[in-house]
Structures are given as C-alpha cells and as structure tokens.
Protein backbone atom coordinates (compact mmCIF):
# COMPACT_ATOMS: atom_id res chain seq x y z
CA UNK A 1 21.02 -126.87 214.87
CA UNK A 2 22.93 -128.89 212.63
CA UNK A 3 26.08 -127.91 211.26
CA UNK A 4 26.43 -127.81 207.31
CA UNK A 5 30.12 -129.24 206.46
CA UNK A 6 31.81 -129.07 203.13
CA UNK A 7 35.27 -130.08 202.50
CA UNK A 8 37.58 -126.61 201.68
CA UNK A 9 39.79 -126.93 198.47
CA UNK A 10 42.36 -125.94 200.92
CA UNK A 11 43.92 -128.85 203.47
CA UNK A 12 46.29 -128.47 206.24
CA UNK A 13 48.40 -132.04 205.70
CA UNK A 14 51.55 -131.19 208.07
CA UNK A 15 51.97 -129.31 211.10
CA UNK A 16 55.62 -128.89 212.44
CA UNK A 17 56.81 -127.02 215.58
CA UNK A 18 59.70 -124.74 214.29
CA UNK A 19 60.69 -122.64 217.44
CA UNK A 20 59.86 -122.99 220.96
CA UNK A 21 61.75 -120.82 223.55
CA UNK A 22 60.48 -121.24 227.42
CA UNK A 23 62.38 -120.23 230.44
CA UNK A 24 61.05 -119.99 233.89
CA UNK A 25 61.58 -116.78 235.92
CA UNK A 26 60.43 -117.58 239.16
CA UNK A 27 58.34 -119.59 241.17
CA UNK A 28 54.47 -119.82 240.87
CA UNK A 29 53.33 -116.47 242.20
CA UNK A 30 50.22 -116.60 244.52
CA UNK A 31 48.07 -114.17 242.50
CA UNK A 32 49.19 -114.89 238.35
CA UNK A 33 49.73 -111.65 236.63
CA UNK A 34 47.90 -110.84 233.77
CA UNK A 35 48.99 -112.39 230.67
CA UNK A 36 48.20 -111.32 226.36
CA UNK A 37 49.35 -112.52 223.32
CA UNK A 38 50.97 -111.36 220.70
CA UNK A 39 50.35 -113.09 217.46
CA UNK A 40 52.27 -113.06 214.19
CA UNK A 41 50.87 -114.79 211.28
CA UNK A 42 52.30 -115.25 207.48
CA UNK A 43 52.10 -117.21 204.42
CA UNK A 44 55.08 -118.34 201.92
CA UNK A 45 53.88 -120.18 198.72
CA UNK A 46 56.05 -123.30 197.86
CA UNK A 47 54.31 -124.22 194.71
CA UNK A 48 51.48 -123.96 192.01
CA UNK A 49 49.51 -126.38 194.73
CA UNK A 50 51.43 -126.01 198.44
CA UNK A 51 51.86 -123.17 200.70
CA UNK A 52 53.09 -122.72 204.68
CA UNK A 53 51.22 -120.85 207.21
CA UNK A 54 53.39 -119.97 209.86
CA UNK A 55 51.66 -118.49 213.36
CA UNK A 56 53.83 -117.15 215.77
CA UNK A 57 53.13 -116.62 219.47
CA UNK A 58 54.85 -114.75 222.25
CA UNK A 59 52.96 -114.21 225.83
CA UNK A 60 53.23 -111.19 227.61
CA UNK A 61 52.87 -110.61 231.08
CA UNK A 62 51.30 -106.83 231.86
CA UNK A 63 53.77 -106.86 234.77
CA UNK A 64 57.21 -108.09 233.15
CA UNK A 65 58.95 -107.71 235.93
CA UNK A 66 57.03 -110.10 237.93
CA UNK A 67 56.47 -112.83 235.03
CA UNK A 68 56.92 -116.14 236.29
CA UNK A 69 58.12 -117.62 232.29
CA UNK A 70 58.62 -116.51 229.18
CA UNK A 71 57.43 -118.04 226.30
CA UNK A 72 57.48 -117.94 221.97
CA UNK A 73 56.64 -120.54 219.94
CA UNK A 74 55.73 -120.94 216.05
CA UNK A 75 53.96 -123.63 213.82
CA UNK A 76 54.48 -124.09 210.45
CA UNK A 77 51.26 -126.10 208.87
CA UNK A 78 51.67 -127.09 204.78
CA UNK A 79 48.64 -126.24 203.46
CA UNK A 80 47.60 -127.94 199.71
CA UNK A 81 45.11 -126.49 197.10
CA UNK A 82 43.17 -128.11 195.00
CA UNK A 83 42.25 -125.43 192.56
CA UNK A 84 43.98 -125.03 189.55
CA UNK A 85 45.29 -122.42 188.33
CA UNK A 86 45.81 -121.06 191.76
CA UNK A 87 45.73 -117.10 192.24
CA UNK A 88 49.14 -116.67 194.13
CA UNK A 89 47.79 -113.55 196.06
CA UNK A 90 44.62 -114.97 197.35
CA UNK A 91 46.84 -117.74 198.40
CA UNK A 92 49.64 -116.28 200.66
CA UNK A 93 46.52 -113.87 201.95
CA UNK A 94 44.80 -117.35 202.83
CA UNK A 95 47.74 -118.80 204.10
CA UNK A 96 48.54 -115.76 206.46
CA UNK A 97 44.58 -115.03 207.52
CA UNK A 98 43.60 -118.51 208.03
CA UNK A 99 46.69 -120.04 209.21
CA UNK A 100 46.13 -118.53 212.45
CA UNK A 101 42.76 -120.26 212.63
CA UNK A 102 44.00 -123.99 211.60
CA UNK A 103 47.28 -123.74 213.82
CA UNK A 104 45.38 -121.79 216.93
CA UNK A 105 44.66 -125.35 218.47
CA UNK A 106 48.20 -126.72 218.20
CA UNK A 107 49.45 -123.29 219.92
CA UNK A 108 46.86 -123.78 222.70
CA UNK A 109 47.83 -127.44 223.52
CA UNK A 110 51.25 -126.88 223.35
CA UNK A 111 51.17 -123.79 226.45
CA UNK A 112 48.94 -125.71 228.49
CA UNK A 113 51.15 -128.74 228.33
CA UNK A 114 54.02 -126.84 228.63
CA UNK A 115 52.87 -124.76 231.85
CA UNK A 116 51.77 -127.64 233.34
CA UNK A 117 54.78 -129.20 232.99
CA UNK A 118 56.95 -126.43 234.37
CA UNK A 119 54.39 -126.97 237.49
CA UNK A 120 52.38 -123.67 236.52
CA UNK A 121 49.00 -123.64 236.24
CA UNK A 122 47.60 -124.81 232.94
CA UNK A 123 47.24 -121.69 230.59
CA UNK A 124 44.99 -122.47 227.98
CA UNK A 125 44.72 -120.00 225.31
CA UNK A 126 40.98 -118.74 224.30
CA UNK A 127 39.04 -120.97 221.62
CA UNK A 128 38.61 -118.29 218.43
CA UNK A 129 35.69 -117.63 216.80
CA UNK A 130 36.22 -117.58 213.15
CA UNK A 131 32.46 -117.41 212.84
CA UNK A 132 32.31 -113.84 214.48
CA UNK A 133 34.95 -112.97 212.36
CA UNK A 134 32.87 -113.56 208.78
CA UNK A 135 29.71 -112.24 210.27
CA UNK A 136 31.35 -108.90 211.34
CA UNK A 137 33.40 -108.74 207.84
CA UNK A 138 29.86 -109.45 206.09
CA UNK A 139 28.49 -106.58 208.19
CA UNK A 140 30.73 -104.22 207.11
CA UNK A 141 30.74 -105.31 203.50
CA UNK A 142 26.77 -104.48 203.66
CA UNK A 143 27.57 -101.55 205.36
CA UNK A 144 29.76 -100.20 203.02
CA UNK A 145 27.57 -101.30 200.12
CA UNK A 146 24.38 -99.40 201.73
CA UNK A 147 26.53 -95.93 202.20
CA UNK A 148 27.37 -96.11 198.10
CA UNK A 149 23.91 -96.98 197.27
CA UNK A 150 22.81 -94.11 199.80
CA UNK A 151 25.59 -91.60 198.95
CA UNK A 152 26.99 -91.70 202.11
C-alpha cells in the first residue's frame, strides 16, 4: 500500500525547547517504576499567518516516593499558514490539537536522550496514532448523523 501525500497549508517552521526541568532523585532501580505522561497543549496566534503550538510534558511515576527522576519539558513550534484569510478560532484550535502531533517526535527524542545521559535506560515515549484519532472522530460523526436520521 502506498501512502498518498499532499502538502498541508499549515507548516511547522521552527521548533524551540522553551523549558526543561529534570532532576535525578535516586540511582537506577532494579525494577523501574511505572511511568505515565501528563501532556498539555495550547495554541497562540502571533499574526494573521503565524502562531505557536506549545506542548508540555511531565513524567509521572506511579510510586512517587520511588521515582528515580523528575522531568518536565516544553517545546514551542512556529506554525505558518498559507490560508487567507485565516479563521483565527480554527487556527488556534489547530495549533492546540495538531501541535501535539507536530512536536511529539521532539519530546520523544529529548526524553530518550536525557534518560540515557543520566545513566538510566532510555525512556522512549510511544508513538502517537493520528490516523486512529481521525478514524475514531469520523466514526463518531457518522454515528451522530445516523442517530439524527433515525431519531435516536
């Protein structure tokens, strides 16, 4: 199966690490505690054709008292649009929602590198499935339309 690709009217132009806080709290545990992620995103319009997508991640260990380290990081991506005129509300929503997918690879690489540099086994975040989210969203929309048609 070949992928059909087309250029998007929104383009990521620049990526900046805006914040990083990491502290080693203990030696490498024999059994690493389970870790989850807290992810926050937001969009900020800076002009009629540009905006910032921000994604912030905090690693949260299930057993906080046994956490080997703490880590919070944030990236800012500059996104430019070719759309004229731009719908500011939709652009801000795009920055917030799509920013996660645009900036996630940078967060994955950073966290893997930092954990490796601190002599921990590299922690590689999972990849995200944008396609699955689109399919789920479309299925929900179809179900809603079916409900409207059938009166459910």
